[in-house]
C-alpha atoms as a PDB file:
ATOM      1  CA  MET A   1     -68.389 -34.869 233.760  1.00  0.00           C
ATOM      2  CA  GLN A   2     -64.703 -34.071 234.280  1.00  0.00           C
ATOM      3  CA  GLU A   3     -63.324 -30.589 233.779  1.00  0.00           C
ATOM      4  CA  CYS A   4     -60.202 -30.396 231.605  1.00  0.00           C
ATOM      5  CA  ALA A   5     -57.057 -28.877 233.097  1.00  0.00           C
ATOM      6  CA  TYR A   6     -56.906 -26.098 230.490  1.00  0.00           C
ATOM      7  CA  ARG A   7     -60.433 -24.975 231.452  1.00  0.00           C
ATOM      8  CA  THR A   8     -59.281 -24.735 235.052  1.00  0.00           C
ATOM      9  CA  VAL A   9     -56.313 -22.622 233.954  1.00  0.00           C
ATOM     10  CA  ILE A  10     -58.551 -20.189 232.022  1.00  0.00           C
ATOM     11  CA  LYS A  11     -60.987 -19.942 234.947  1.00  0.00           C
ATOM     12  CA  THR A  12     -58.051 -19.383 237.291  1.00  0.00           C
ATOM     13  CA  ILE A  13     -56.673 -16.510 235.237  1.00  0.00           C
ATOM     14  CA  SER A  14     -60.013 -14.767 234.719  1.00  0.00           C
ATOM     15  CA  TRP A  15     -60.947 -15.006 238.391  1.00  0.00           C
ATOM     16  CA  ARG A  16     -57.539 -13.741 239.500  1.00  0.00           C
ATOM     17  CA  VAL A  17     -57.807 -10.659 237.290  1.00  0.00           C
ATOM     18  CA  VAL A  18     -61.055  -9.740 239.037  1.00  0.00           C
ATOM     19  CA  GLY A  19     -59.697 -10.643 242.477  1.00  0.00           C
ATOM     20  CA  THR A  20     -56.435  -8.759 241.985  1.00  0.00           C
ATOM     21  CA  LEU A  21     -58.183  -5.581 240.872  1.00  0.00           C
ATOM     22  CA  ASP A  22     -60.309  -5.819 244.001  1.00  0.00           C
ATOM     23  CA  THR A  23     -57.224  -6.333 246.192  1.00  0.00           C
ATOM     24  CA  ILE A  24     -55.403  -3.381 244.607  1.00  0.00           C
ATOM     25  CA  PHE A  25     -58.434  -1.157 245.149  1.00  0.00           C
ATOM     26  CA  ILE A  26     -58.753  -2.165 248.815  1.00  0.00           C
ATOM     27  CA  ALA A  27     -54.990  -1.822 249.384  1.00  0.00           C
ATOM     28  CA  LEU A  28     -55.072   1.627 247.789  1.00  0.00           C
ATOM     29  CA  ILE A  29     -57.822   2.736 250.160  1.00  0.00           C
ATOM     30  CA  ILE A  30     -55.947   1.385 253.194  1.00  0.00           C
ATOM     31  CA  THR A  31     -52.408   2.461 252.285  1.00  0.00           C
ATOM     32  CA  ASN A  32     -53.169   5.527 250.150  1.00  0.00           C
ATOM     33  CA  SER A  33     -50.176   4.465 248.014  1.00  0.00           C
ATOM     34  CA  ILE A  34     -50.555   3.184 244.464  1.00  0.00           C
ATOM     35  CA  LYS A  35     -47.051   1.677 244.611  1.00  0.00           C
ATOM     36  CA  MET A  36     -47.838  -0.305 247.770  1.00  0.00           C
ATOM     37  CA  ALA A  37     -51.265  -1.322 246.433  1.00  0.00           C
ATOM     38  CA  ALA A  38     -49.735  -2.570 243.172  1.00  0.00           C
ATOM     39  CA  SER A  39     -47.051  -4.498 245.079  1.00  0.00           C
ATOM     40  CA  ILE A  40     -49.658  -6.201 247.253  1.00  0.00           C
ATOM     41  CA  GLY A  41     -51.806  -6.972 244.209  1.00  0.00           C
ATOM     42  CA  THR A  42     -48.898  -8.437 242.258  1.00  0.00           C
ATOM     43  CA  ILE A  43     -47.846 -10.790 245.050  1.00  0.00           C
ATOM     44  CA  GLU A  44     -51.441 -11.798 245.672  1.00  0.00           C
ATOM     45  CA  LEU A  45     -52.012 -12.440 241.952  1.00  0.00           C
ATOM     46  CA  PHE A  46     -49.481 -15.251 241.739  1.00  0.00           C
ATOM     47  CA  THR A  47     -50.000 -16.884 245.130  1.00  0.00           C
ATOM     48  CA  LYS A  48     -53.771 -17.069 244.827  1.00  0.00           C
ATOM     49  CA  MET A  49     -53.677 -18.236 241.209  1.00  0.00           C
ATOM     50  CA  ILE A  50     -51.557 -21.209 242.206  1.00  0.00           C
ATOM     51  CA  LEU A  51     -53.751 -21.986 245.220  1.00  0.00           C
ATOM     52  CA  TYR A  52     -56.949 -21.711 243.153  1.00  0.00           C
ATOM     53  CA  TYR A  53     -55.657 -24.046 240.445  1.00  0.00           C
ATOM     54  CA  PHE A  54     -54.859 -26.810 242.937  1.00  0.00           C
ATOM     55  CA  HIS A  55     -58.117 -26.174 244.820  1.00  0.00           C
ATOM     56  CA  GLU A  56     -60.099 -26.697 241.601  1.00  0.00           C
ATOM     57  CA  ARG A  57     -58.158 -29.834 240.602  1.00  0.00           C
ATOM     58  CA  ILE A  58     -58.708 -31.378 244.037  1.00  0.00           C
ATOM     59  CA  TRP A  59     -62.433 -30.577 243.962  1.00  0.00           C
ATOM     60  CA  ASN A  60     -62.664 -32.109 240.491  1.00  0.00           C
ATOM     61  CA  ARG A  61     -61.759 -35.494 242.010  1.00  0.00           C
ATOM     62  CA  PHE A  62     -64.940 -35.580 244.090  1.00  0.00           C
ATOM     63  CA  GLN A  63     -68.344 -36.481 242.679  1.00  0.00           C
ATOM     64  CA  PHE A  64     -70.176 -34.283 245.180  1.00  0.00           C
ATOM     65  CA  GLY A  65     -72.620 -31.999 243.344  1.00  0.00           C
ATOM     66  CA  LYS A  66     -71.965 -33.461 239.891  1.00  0.00           C
ATOM     67  CA  SER A  67     -74.673 -35.026 237.796  1.00  0.00           C
ATOM     68  CA  LYS A  68     -74.037 -38.122 235.756  1.00  0.00           C
ATOM     69  CA  GLN A  69     -74.373 -37.955 231.995  1.00  0.00           C
ATOM     70  CA  THR A  70     -77.270 -39.769 230.460  1.00  0.00           C
ATOM     71  CA  GLY A  71     -77.333 -41.366 227.050  1.00  0.00           C
ATOM     72  CA  SER A  72     -79.258 -38.393 225.695  1.00  0.00           C
ATOM     73  CA  ASP A  73     -76.577 -35.835 226.688  1.00  0.00           C
ATOM     74  CA  TYR A  74     -74.980 -34.225 223.638  1.00  0.00           C
ATOM     75  CA  GLN A  75     -71.232 -34.753 223.392  1.00  0.00           C
ATOM     76  CA  ILE A  76     -68.662 -33.468 220.945  1.00  0.00           C
END
């Protein structure tokens, strides 16, 4: 079963929101500066979103860990 590109985009965005909040929180603890923490989080948001998208698309090319559909699988 192939994953559509738009699903990968939605997964990318939702995961990055969680990851960026985590990064901002950690940066805030380390730097004790909300401005610096937000700057780090903003940069990290875009770079990791792009990397994640391509990571997912590359993994989608491999059959490793995927099960094949059978005739009884429901499809829309």
